[in-house]
Amino acid sequence: MSNDDLTNLSPAEVYARLSPEQRAALAQQFAQGFQQSDHPTAQQLAQVDPKDATPEHLAKMHEHAREHHPALLGVVMDHPVATAALGIFAAYEIEKHVRKNR
């Protein structure tokens, strides 16, 4: 599957393509951002241990950030791991969900 096809996958499917180390790096970025929020879901997601982050955890983090913290989603999608491993998916998410909210 080409990188262009990643935009047709769910976030969980995209995150499943990452190594555990890559997932941990992105989960750490999400968790740090969520610690600044008083939203109950953000606080719960901030407690996920990055070393144990599953594709499903990352998908929940992604969806919550998309809905409630678009700037954080932009930061995570701009992380070197996201841009290198997820390429077009990261760019698509930044354009669709972050820049439209500015």
PDB file of N, CA and C in Angstrom:
ATOM      1  N   MET A   1       0.848  -1.177   0.000  1.00  0.00           N
ATOM      2  CA  MET A   1       0.000   0.000   0.000  1.00  0.00           C
ATOM      3  C   MET A   1       0.887   1.231   0.000  1.00  0.00           C
ATOM      4  N   SER A   2       0.567   2.181  -0.856  1.00  0.00           N
ATOM      5  CA  SER A   2       1.373   3.389  -0.937  1.00  0.00           C
ATOM      6  C   SER A   2       1.045   4.331   0.217  1.00  0.00           C
ATOM      7  N   ASN A   3       1.929   5.267   0.424  1.00  0.00           N
ATOM      8  CA  ASN A   3       1.722   6.267   1.470  1.00  0.00           C
ATOM      9  C   ASN A   3       0.455   7.073   1.203  1.00  0.00           C
ATOM     10  N   ASP A   4       0.123   7.289  -0.088  1.00  0.00           N
ATOM     11  CA  ASP A   4      -1.089   8.030  -0.437  1.00  0.00           C
ATOM     12  C   ASP A   4      -2.335   7.315   0.063  1.00  0.00           C
ATOM     13  N   ASP A   5      -2.315   5.994   0.117  1.00  0.00           N
ATOM     14  CA  ASP A   5      -3.470   5.226   0.548  1.00  0.00           C
ATOM     15  C   ASP A   5      -3.718   5.327   2.048  1.00  0.00           C
ATOM     16  N   LEU A   6      -2.791   5.843   2.807  1.00  0.00           N
ATOM     17  CA  LEU A   6      -2.957   5.952   4.255  1.00  0.00           C
ATOM     18  C   LEU A   6      -4.113   6.871   4.629  1.00  0.00           C
ATOM     19  N   THR A   7      -4.439   7.840   3.767  1.00  0.00           N
ATOM     20  CA  THR A   7      -5.524   8.763   4.100  1.00  0.00           C
ATOM     21  C   THR A   7      -6.877   8.064   4.092  1.00  0.00           C
ATOM     22  N   ASN A   8      -6.960   6.873   3.516  1.00  0.00           N
ATOM     23  CA  ASN A   8      -8.215   6.130   3.482  1.00  0.00           C
ATOM     24  C   ASN A   8      -8.363   5.167   4.650  1.00  0.00           C
ATOM     25  N   LEU A   9      -7.358   5.101   5.515  1.00  0.00           N
ATOM     26  CA  LEU A   9      -7.395   4.207   6.666  1.00  0.00           C
ATOM     27  C   LEU A   9      -7.838   4.958   7.909  1.00  0.00           C
ATOM     28  N   SER A  10      -8.347   4.213   8.868  1.00  0.00           N
ATOM     29  CA  SER A  10      -8.673   4.815  10.156  1.00  0.00           C
ATOM     30  C   SER A  10      -7.371   5.107  10.895  1.00  0.00           C
ATOM     31  N   PRO A  11      -7.408   6.025  11.871  1.00  0.00           N
ATOM     32  CA  PRO A  11      -6.193   6.264  12.650  1.00  0.00           C
ATOM     33  C   PRO A  11      -5.633   4.984  13.282  1.00  0.00           C
ATOM     34  N   ALA A  12      -6.487   4.095  13.793  1.00  0.00           N
ATOM     35  CA  ALA A  12      -5.992   2.854  14.405  1.00  0.00           C
ATOM     36  C   ALA A  12      -5.237   2.012  13.386  1.00  0.00           C
ATOM     37  N   GLU A  13      -5.747   1.955  12.169  1.00  0.00           N
ATOM     38  CA  GLU A  13      -5.069   1.178  11.120  1.00  0.00           C
ATOM     39  C   GLU A  13      -3.723   1.795  10.759  1.00  0.00           C
ATOM     40  N   VAL A  14      -3.674   3.112  10.740  1.00  0.00           N
ATOM     41  CA  VAL A  14      -2.420   3.792  10.422  1.00  0.00           C
ATOM     42  C   VAL A  14      -1.409   3.570  11.545  1.00  0.00           C
ATOM     43  N   TYR A  15      -1.842   3.762  12.801  1.00  0.00           N
ATOM     44  CA  TYR A  15      -0.924   3.584  13.923  1.00  0.00           C
ATOM     45  C   TYR A  15      -0.462   2.141  14.076  1.00  0.00           C
ATOM     46  N   ALA A  16      -1.243   1.194  13.595  1.00  0.00           N
ATOM     47  CA  ALA A  16      -0.835  -0.215  13.650  1.00  0.00           C
ATOM     48  C   ALA A  16       0.386  -0.482  12.769  1.00  0.00           C
ATOM     49  N   ARG A  17       0.656   0.391  11.836  1.00  0.00           N
ATOM     50  CA  ARG A  17       1.811   0.234  10.948  1.00  0.00           C
ATOM     51  C   ARG A  17       3.120   0.672  11.602  1.00  0.00           C
ATOM     52  N   LEU A  18       3.018   1.342  12.748  1.00  0.00           N
ATOM     53  CA  LEU A  18       4.214   1.844  13.430  1.00  0.00           C
ATOM     54  C   LEU A  18       4.815   0.783  14.341  1.00  0.00           C
ATOM     55  N   SER A  19       6.093   0.928  14.596  1.00  0.00           N
ATOM     56  CA  SER A  19       6.759   0.057  15.565  1.00  0.00           C
ATOM     57  C   SER A  19       6.338   0.478  16.965  1.00  0.00           C
ATOM     58  N   PRO A  20       6.517  -0.390  17.965  1.00  0.00           N
ATOM     59  CA  PRO A  20       6.211   0.010  19.345  1.00  0.00           C
ATOM     60  C   PRO A  20       6.976   1.264  19.778  1.00  0.00           C
ATOM     61  N   GLU A  21       8.198   1.422  19.306  1.00  0.00           N
ATOM     62  CA  GLU A  21       8.989   2.594  19.666  1.00  0.00           C
ATOM     63  C   GLU A  21       8.395   3.863  19.055  1.00  0.00           C
ATOM     64  N   GLN A  22       7.950   3.763  17.805  1.00  0.00           N
ATOM     65  CA  GLN A  22       7.326   4.911  17.155  1.00  0.00           C
ATOM     66  C   GLN A  22       6.004   5.270  17.839  1.00  0.00           C
ATOM     67  N   ARG A  23       5.219   4.247  18.180  1.00  0.00           N
ATOM     68  CA  ARG A  23       3.963   4.504  18.893  1.00  0.00           C
ATOM     69  C   ARG A  23       4.237   5.179  20.233  1.00  0.00           C
ATOM     70  N   ALA A  24       5.272   4.728  20.933  1.00  0.00           N
ATOM     71  CA  ALA A  24       5.616   5.317  22.236  1.00  0.00           C
ATOM     72  C   ALA A  24       5.981   6.791  22.087  1.00  0.00           C
ATOM     73  N   ALA A  25       6.734   7.128  21.059  1.00  0.00           N
ATOM     74  CA  ALA A  25       7.134   8.526  20.855  1.00  0.00           C
ATOM     75  C   ALA A  25       5.911   9.412  20.620  1.00  0.00           C
ATOM     76  N   LEU A  26       4.967   8.946  19.815  1.00  0.00           N
ATOM     77  CA  LEU A  26       3.779   9.746  19.539  1.00  0.00           C
ATOM     78  C   LEU A  26       2.846   9.786  20.748  1.00  0.00           C
ATOM     79  N   ALA A  27       2.725   8.673  21.453  1.00  0.00           N
ATOM     80  CA  ALA A  27       1.891   8.656  22.660  1.00  0.00           C
ATOM     81  C   ALA A  27       2.437   9.628  23.696  1.00  0.00           C
ATOM     82  N   GLN A  28       3.749   9.714  23.809  1.00  0.00           N
ATOM     83  CA  GLN A  28       4.375  10.660  24.739  1.00  0.00           C
ATOM     84  C   GLN A  28       4.004  12.091  24.370  1.00  0.00           C
ATOM     85  N   GLN A  29       4.031  12.404  23.079  1.00  0.00           N
ATOM     86  CA  GLN A  29       3.660  13.743  22.629  1.00  0.00           C
ATOM     87  C   GLN A  29       2.199  14.055  22.953  1.00  0.00           C
ATOM     88  N   PHE A  30       1.313  13.121  22.659  1.00  0.00           N
ATOM     89  CA  PHE A  30      -0.096  13.322  22.997  1.00  0.00           C
ATOM     90  C   PHE A  30      -0.261  13.512  24.498  1.00  0.00           C
ATOM     91  N   ALA A  31       0.344  12.619  25.282  1.00  0.00           N
ATOM     92  CA  ALA A  31       0.179  12.656  26.739  1.00  0.00           C
ATOM     93  C   ALA A  31       0.658  13.983  27.321  1.00  0.00           C
ATOM     94  N   GLN A  32       1.785  14.480  26.845  1.00  0.00           N
ATOM     95  CA  GLN A  32       2.289  15.762  27.343  1.00  0.00           C
ATOM     96  C   GLN A  32       1.298  16.882  27.058  1.00  0.00           C
ATOM     97  N   GLY A  33       0.723  16.866  25.876  1.00  0.00           N
ATOM     98  CA  GLY A  33      -0.260  17.885  25.539  1.00  0.00           C
ATOM     99  C   GLY A  33      -1.533  17.764  26.348  1.00  0.00           C
ATOM    100  N   PHE A  34      -1.972  16.532  26.576  1.00  0.00           N
ATOM    101  CA  PHE A  34      -3.207  16.316  27.331  1.00  0.00           C
ATOM    102  C   PHE A  34      -3.056  16.707  28.801  1.00  0.00           C
ATOM    103  N   GLN A  35      -1.853  16.664  29.332  1.00  0.00           N
ATOM    104  CA  GLN A  35      -1.639  17.034  30.726  1.00  0.00           C
ATOM    105  C   GLN A  35      -1.989  18.494  30.968  1.00  0.00           C
ATOM    106  N   GLN A  36      -1.986  19.307  29.919  1.00  0.00           N
ATOM    107  CA  GLN A  36      -2.299  20.725  30.042  1.00  0.00           C
ATOM    108  C   GLN A  36      -3.801  20.997  30.025  1.00  0.00           C
ATOM    109  N   SER A  37      -4.595  19.961  29.759  1.00  0.00           N
ATOM    110  CA  SER A  37      -6.041  20.119  29.611  1.00  0.00           C
ATOM    111  C   SER A  37      -6.781  19.699  30.871  1.00  0.00           C
ATOM    112  N   ASP A  38      -7.910  20.349  31.120  1.00  0.00           N
ATOM    113  CA  ASP A  38      -8.751  19.914  32.240  1.00  0.00           C
ATOM    114  C   ASP A  38      -9.911  19.043  31.763  1.00  0.00           C
ATOM    115  N   HIS A  39      -9.928  18.702  30.486  1.00  0.00           N
ATOM    116  CA  HIS A  39     -10.962  17.828  29.947  1.00  0.00           C
ATOM    117  C   HIS A  39     -10.772  16.425  30.536  1.00  0.00           C
ATOM    118  N   PRO A  40     -11.833  15.809  31.069  1.00  0.00           N
ATOM    119  CA  PRO A  40     -11.692  14.488  31.710  1.00  0.00           C
ATOM    120  C   PRO A  40     -11.112  13.417  30.794  1.00  0.00           C
ATOM    121  N   THR A  41     -11.509  13.420  29.527  1.00  0.00           N
ATOM    122  CA  THR A  41     -10.964  12.418  28.603  1.00  0.00           C
ATOM    123  C   THR A  41      -9.482  12.657  28.367  1.00  0.00           C
ATOM    124  N   ALA A  42      -9.100  13.917  28.240  1.00  0.00           N
ATOM    125  CA  ALA A  42      -7.684  14.241  28.053  1.00  0.00           C
ATOM    126  C   ALA A  42      -6.870  13.773  29.246  1.00  0.00           C
ATOM    127  N   GLN A  43      -7.391  14.007  30.442  1.00  0.00           N
ATOM    128  CA  GLN A  43      -6.687  13.574  31.648  1.00  0.00           C
ATOM    129  C   GLN A  43      -6.536  12.050  31.684  1.00  0.00           C
ATOM    130  N   GLN A  44      -7.568  11.340  31.273  1.00  0.00           N
ATOM    131  CA  GLN A  44      -7.506   9.874  31.231  1.00  0.00           C
ATOM    132  C   GLN A  44      -6.479   9.413  30.196  1.00  0.00           C
ATOM    133  N   LEU A  45      -6.497  10.021  29.022  1.00  0.00           N
ATOM    134  CA  LEU A  45      -5.549   9.637  27.980  1.00  0.00           C
ATOM    135  C   LEU A  45      -4.115   9.995  28.343  1.00  0.00           C
ATOM    136  N   ALA A  46      -3.929  11.034  29.137  1.00  0.00           N
ATOM    137  CA  ALA A  46      -2.585  11.431  29.569  1.00  0.00           C
ATOM    138  C   ALA A  46      -1.955  10.379  30.465  1.00  0.00           C
ATOM    139  N   GLN A  47      -2.769   9.496  31.028  1.00  0.00           N
ATOM    140  CA  GLN A  47      -2.264   8.459  31.933  1.00  0.00           C
ATOM    141  C   GLN A  47      -1.779   7.209  31.205  1.00  0.00           C
ATOM    142  N   VAL A  48      -2.003   7.127  29.892  1.00  0.00           N
ATOM    143  CA  VAL A  48      -1.538   5.962  29.128  1.00  0.00           C
ATOM    144  C   VAL A  48      -0.012   5.943  29.153  1.00  0.00           C
ATOM    145  N   ASP A  49       0.547   4.809  29.544  1.00  0.00           N
ATOM    146  CA  ASP A  49       2.005   4.649  29.542  1.00  0.00           C
ATOM    147  C   ASP A  49       2.461   4.544  28.090  1.00  0.00           C
ATOM    148  N   PRO A  50       3.281   5.492  27.614  1.00  0.00           N
ATOM    149  CA  PRO A  50       3.704   5.454  26.212  1.00  0.00           C
ATOM    150  C   PRO A  50       4.313   4.119  25.783  1.00  0.00           C
ATOM    151  N   LYS A  51       5.010   3.453  26.688  1.00  0.00           N
ATOM    152  CA  LYS A  51       5.625   2.164  26.334  1.00  0.00           C
ATOM    153  C   LYS A  51       4.574   1.101  26.038  1.00  0.00           C
ATOM    154  N   ASP A  52       3.372   1.271  26.579  1.00  0.00           N
ATOM    155  CA  ASP A  52       2.299   0.293  26.393  1.00  0.00           C
ATOM    156  C   ASP A  52       1.240   0.752  25.405  1.00  0.00           C
ATOM    157  N   ALA A  53       1.467   1.863  24.730  1.00  0.00           N
ATOM    158  CA  ALA A  53       0.456   2.429  23.836  1.00  0.00           C
ATOM    159  C   ALA A  53       0.201   1.507  22.650  1.00  0.00           C
ATOM    160  N   THR A  54      -1.052   1.158  22.485  1.00  0.00           N
ATOM    161  CA  THR A  54      -1.485   0.330  21.359  1.00  0.00           C
ATOM    162  C   THR A  54      -1.969   1.236  20.231  1.00  0.00           C
ATOM    163  N   PRO A  55      -2.156   0.686  19.045  1.00  0.00           N
ATOM    164  CA  PRO A  55      -2.758   1.493  17.977  1.00  0.00           C
ATOM    165  C   PRO A  55      -4.120   2.066  18.391  1.00  0.00           C
ATOM    166  N   GLU A  56      -4.864   1.305  19.172  1.00  0.00           N
ATOM    167  CA  GLU A  56      -6.175   1.774  19.625  1.00  0.00           C
ATOM    168  C   GLU A  56      -6.049   2.946  20.596  1.00  0.00           C
ATOM    169  N   HIS A  57      -5.049   2.897  21.497  1.00  0.00           N
ATOM    170  CA  HIS A  57      -4.802   4.029  22.394  1.00  0.00           C
ATOM    171  C   HIS A  57      -4.489   5.281  21.563  1.00  0.00           C
ATOM    172  N   LEU A  58      -3.591   5.120  20.612  1.00  0.00           N
ATOM    173  CA  LEU A  58      -3.209   6.263  19.791  1.00  0.00           C
ATOM    174  C   LEU A  58      -4.388   6.786  18.985  1.00  0.00           C
ATOM    175  N   ALA A  59      -5.228   5.894  18.502  1.00  0.00           N
ATOM    176  CA  ALA A  59      -6.411   6.328  17.751  1.00  0.00           C
ATOM    177  C   ALA A  59      -7.338   7.153  18.651  1.00  0.00           C
ATOM    178  N   LYS A  60      -7.527   6.717  19.894  1.00  0.00           N
ATOM    179  CA  LYS A  60      -8.360   7.493  20.837  1.00  0.00           C
ATOM    180  C   LYS A  60      -7.724   8.849  21.113  1.00  0.00           C
ATOM    181  N   MET A  61      -6.408   8.868  21.291  1.00  0.00           N
ATOM    182  CA  MET A  61      -5.705  10.130  21.510  1.00  0.00           C
ATOM    183  C   MET A  61      -5.872  11.044  20.294  1.00  0.00           C
ATOM    184  N   HIS A  62      -5.700  10.473  19.132  1.00  0.00           N
ATOM    185  CA  HIS A  62      -5.803  11.202  17.876  1.00  0.00           C
ATOM    186  C   HIS A  62      -7.198  11.810  17.725  1.00  0.00           C
ATOM    187  N   GLU A  63      -8.215  10.985  17.916  1.00  0.00           N
ATOM    188  CA  GLU A  63      -9.599  11.451  17.754  1.00  0.00           C
ATOM    189  C   GLU A  63      -9.941  12.532  18.786  1.00  0.00           C
ATOM    190  N   HIS A  64      -9.501  12.352  20.022  1.00  0.00           N
ATOM    191  CA  HIS A  64      -9.767  13.364  21.045  1.00  0.00           C
ATOM    192  C   HIS A  64      -9.055  14.672  20.694  1.00  0.00           C
ATOM    193  N   ALA A  65      -7.808  14.565  20.286  1.00  0.00           N
ATOM    194  CA  ALA A  65      -7.071  15.774  19.903  1.00  0.00           C
ATOM    195  C   ALA A  65      -7.723  16.435  18.696  1.00  0.00           C
ATOM    196  N   ARG A  66      -8.143  15.649  17.731  1.00  0.00           N
ATOM    197  CA  ARG A  66      -8.795  16.201  16.541  1.00  0.00           C
ATOM    198  C   ARG A  66     -10.033  17.007  16.939  1.00  0.00           C
ATOM    199  N   GLU A  67     -10.801  16.466  17.860  1.00  0.00           N
ATOM    200  CA  GLU A  67     -12.062  17.088  18.258  1.00  0.00           C
ATOM    201  C   GLU A  67     -11.883  18.274  19.218  1.00  0.00           C
ATOM    202  N   HIS A  68     -10.979  18.117  20.184  1.00  0.00           N
ATOM    203  CA  HIS A  68     -10.896  19.094  21.276  1.00  0.00           C
ATOM    204  C   HIS A  68      -9.596  19.895  21.340  1.00  0.00           C
ATOM    205  N   HIS A  69      -8.538  19.399  20.713  1.00  0.00           N
ATOM    206  CA  HIS A  69      -7.227  20.053  20.817  1.00  0.00           C
ATOM    207  C   HIS A  69      -6.519  20.042  19.452  1.00  0.00           C
ATOM    208  N   PRO A  70      -7.075  20.716  18.445  1.00  0.00           N
ATOM    209  CA  PRO A  70      -6.481  20.641  17.109  1.00  0.00           C
ATOM    210  C   PRO A  70      -5.032  21.123  17.050  1.00  0.00           C
ATOM    211  N   ALA A  71      -4.664  22.074  17.888  1.00  0.00           N
ATOM    212  CA  ALA A  71      -3.263  22.520  17.891  1.00  0.00           C
ATOM    213  C   ALA A  71      -2.339  21.392  18.334  1.00  0.00           C
ATOM    214  N   LEU A  72      -2.777  20.616  19.320  1.00  0.00           N
ATOM    215  CA  LEU A  72      -1.984  19.469  19.766  1.00  0.00           C
ATOM    216  C   LEU A  72      -1.868  18.433  18.655  1.00  0.00           C
ATOM    217  N   LEU A  73      -2.964  18.180  17.949  1.00  0.00           N
ATOM    218  CA  LEU A  73      -2.898  17.240  16.825  1.00  0.00           C
ATOM    219  C   LEU A  73      -1.859  17.709  15.821  1.00  0.00           C
ATOM    220  N   GLY A  74      -1.818  19.009  15.577  1.00  0.00           N
ATOM    221  CA  GLY A  74      -0.813  19.547  14.661  1.00  0.00           C
ATOM    222  C   GLY A  74       0.605  19.316  15.144  1.00  0.00           C
ATOM    223  N   VAL A  75       0.827  19.496  16.437  1.00  0.00           N
ATOM    224  CA  VAL A  75       2.156  19.262  17.012  1.00  0.00           C
ATOM    225  C   VAL A  75       2.554  17.799  16.850  1.00  0.00           C
ATOM    226  N   VAL A  76       1.641  16.899  17.164  1.00  0.00           N
ATOM    227  CA  VAL A  76       1.955  15.467  17.071  1.00  0.00           C
ATOM    228  C   VAL A  76       2.170  15.049  15.623  1.00  0.00           C
ATOM    229  N   MET A  77       1.322  15.516  14.721  1.00  0.00           N
ATOM    230  CA  MET A  77       1.463  15.140  13.308  1.00  0.00           C
ATOM    231  C   MET A  77       2.720  15.739  12.685  1.00  0.00           C
ATOM    232  N   ASP A  78       3.243  16.805  13.301  1.00  0.00           N
ATOM    233  CA  ASP A  78       4.471  17.428  12.817  1.00  0.00           C
ATOM    234  C   ASP A  78       5.716  16.840  13.482  1.00  0.00           C
ATOM    235  N   HIS A  79       5.526  15.915  14.418  1.00  0.00           N
ATOM    236  CA  HIS A  79       6.646  15.246  15.092  1.00  0.00           C
ATOM    237  C   HIS A  79       7.446  14.475  14.038  1.00  0.00           C
ATOM    238  N   PRO A  80       8.764  14.434  14.154  1.00  0.00           N
ATOM    239  CA  PRO A  80       9.583  13.725  13.172  1.00  0.00           C
ATOM    240  C   PRO A  80       9.156  12.274  12.928  1.00  0.00           C
ATOM    241  N   VAL A  81       8.704  11.569  13.964  1.00  0.00           N
ATOM    242  CA  VAL A  81       8.247  10.192  13.777  1.00  0.00           C
ATOM    243  C   VAL A  81       7.019  10.167  12.874  1.00  0.00           C
ATOM    244  N   ALA A  82       6.076  11.065  13.129  1.00  0.00           N
ATOM    245  CA  ALA A  82       4.850  11.088  12.322  1.00  0.00           C
ATOM    246  C   ALA A  82       5.158  11.452  10.880  1.00  0.00           C
ATOM    247  N   THR A  83       5.962  12.489  10.693  1.00  0.00           N
ATOM    248  CA  THR A  83       6.226  12.912   9.322  1.00  0.00           C
ATOM    249  C   THR A  83       7.033  11.877   8.558  1.00  0.00           C
ATOM    250  N   ALA A  84       7.967  11.200   9.228  1.00  0.00           N
ATOM    251  CA  ALA A  84       8.769  10.186   8.553  1.00  0.00           C
ATOM    252  C   ALA A  84       7.990   8.898   8.311  1.00  0.00           C
ATOM    253  N   ALA A  85       7.268   8.440   9.313  1.00  0.00           N
ATOM    254  CA  ALA A  85       6.597   7.146   9.207  1.00  0.00           C
ATOM    255  C   ALA A  85       5.219   7.232   8.564  1.00  0.00           C
ATOM    256  N   LEU A  86       4.552   8.356   8.759  1.00  0.00           N
ATOM    257  CA  LEU A  86       3.169   8.462   8.291  1.00  0.00           C
ATOM    258  C   LEU A  86       3.007   9.416   7.119  1.00  0.00           C
ATOM    259  N   GLY A  87       4.028  10.170   6.815  1.00  0.00           N
ATOM    260  CA  GLY A  87       4.060  11.035   5.649  1.00  0.00           C
ATOM    261  C   GLY A  87       2.768  11.717   5.276  1.00  0.00           C
ATOM    262  N   ILE A  88       2.129  11.219   4.227  1.00  0.00           N
ATOM    263  CA  ILE A  88       0.951  11.870   3.675  1.00  0.00           C
ATOM    264  C   ILE A  88      -0.207  11.884   4.669  1.00  0.00           C
ATOM    265  N   PHE A  89      -0.319  10.868   5.538  1.00  0.00           N
ATOM    266  CA  PHE A  89      -1.382  10.859   6.545  1.00  0.00           C
ATOM    267  C   PHE A  89      -1.207  12.040   7.492  1.00  0.00           C
ATOM    268  N   ALA A  90       0.022  12.270   7.944  1.00  0.00           N
ATOM    269  CA  ALA A  90       0.287  13.384   8.850  1.00  0.00           C
ATOM    270  C   ALA A  90      -0.026  14.710   8.167  1.00  0.00           C
ATOM    271  N   ALA A  91       0.411  14.873   6.938  1.00  0.00           N
ATOM    272  CA  ALA A  91       0.140  16.109   6.208  1.00  0.00           C
ATOM    273  C   ALA A  91      -1.359  16.303   6.003  1.00  0.00           C
ATOM    274  N   TYR A  92      -2.060  15.246   5.676  1.00  0.00           N
ATOM    275  CA  TYR A  92      -3.510  15.290   5.481  1.00  0.00           C
ATOM    276  C   TYR A  92      -4.220  15.717   6.763  1.00  0.00           C
ATOM    277  N   GLU A  93      -3.823  15.135   7.880  1.00  0.00           N
ATOM    278  CA  GLU A  93      -4.457  15.476   9.156  1.00  0.00           C
ATOM    279  C   GLU A  93      -4.189  16.929   9.543  1.00  0.00           C
ATOM    280  N   ILE A  94      -2.983  17.395   9.312  1.00  0.00           N
ATOM    281  CA  ILE A  94      -2.671  18.797   9.620  1.00  0.00           C
ATOM    282  C   ILE A  94      -3.528  19.710   8.760  1.00  0.00           C
ATOM    283  N   GLU A  95      -3.584  19.438   7.484  1.00  0.00           N
ATOM    284  CA  GLU A  95      -4.345  20.300   6.577  1.00  0.00           C
ATOM    285  C   GLU A  95      -5.845  20.240   6.866  1.00  0.00           C
ATOM    286  N   LYS A  96      -6.381  19.065   7.037  1.00  0.00           N
ATOM    287  CA  LYS A  96      -7.829  18.902   7.196  1.00  0.00           C
ATOM    288  C   LYS A  96      -8.336  19.361   8.557  1.00  0.00           C
ATOM    289  N   HIS A  97      -7.623  19.052   9.611  1.00  0.00           N
ATOM    290  CA  HIS A  97      -8.167  19.254  10.945  1.00  0.00           C
ATOM    291  C   HIS A  97      -7.497  20.359  11.757  1.00  0.00           C
ATOM    292  N   VAL A  98      -6.327  20.776  11.373  1.00  0.00           N
ATOM    293  CA  VAL A  98      -5.644  21.797  12.158  1.00  0.00           C
ATOM    294  C   VAL A  98      -5.731  23.152  11.474  1.00  0.00           C
ATOM    295  N   ARG A  99      -5.328  23.227  10.254  1.00  0.00           N
ATOM    296  CA  ARG A  99      -5.291  24.518   9.574  1.00  0.00           C
ATOM    297  C   ARG A  99      -6.671  25.088   9.335  1.00  0.00           C
ATOM    298  N   LYS A 100      -7.694  24.247   9.205  1.00  0.00           N
ATOM    299  CA  LYS A 100      -9.047  24.759   8.978  1.00  0.00           C
ATOM    300  C   LYS A 100      -9.588  25.460  10.233  1.00  0.00           C
ATOM    301  N   ASN A 101      -9.021  25.164  11.390  1.00  0.00           N
ATOM    302  CA  ASN A 101      -9.476  25.747  12.641  1.00  0.00           C
ATOM    303  C   ASN A 101      -8.754  27.039  13.003  1.00  0.00           C
ATOM    304  N   ARG A 102      -7.885  27.489  12.174  1.00  0.00           N
ATOM    305  CA  ARG A 102      -7.131  28.726  12.470  1.00  0.00           C
ATOM    306  C   ARG A 102      -7.907  29.931  12.013  1.00  0.00           C
TER     307      ARG A 102
END
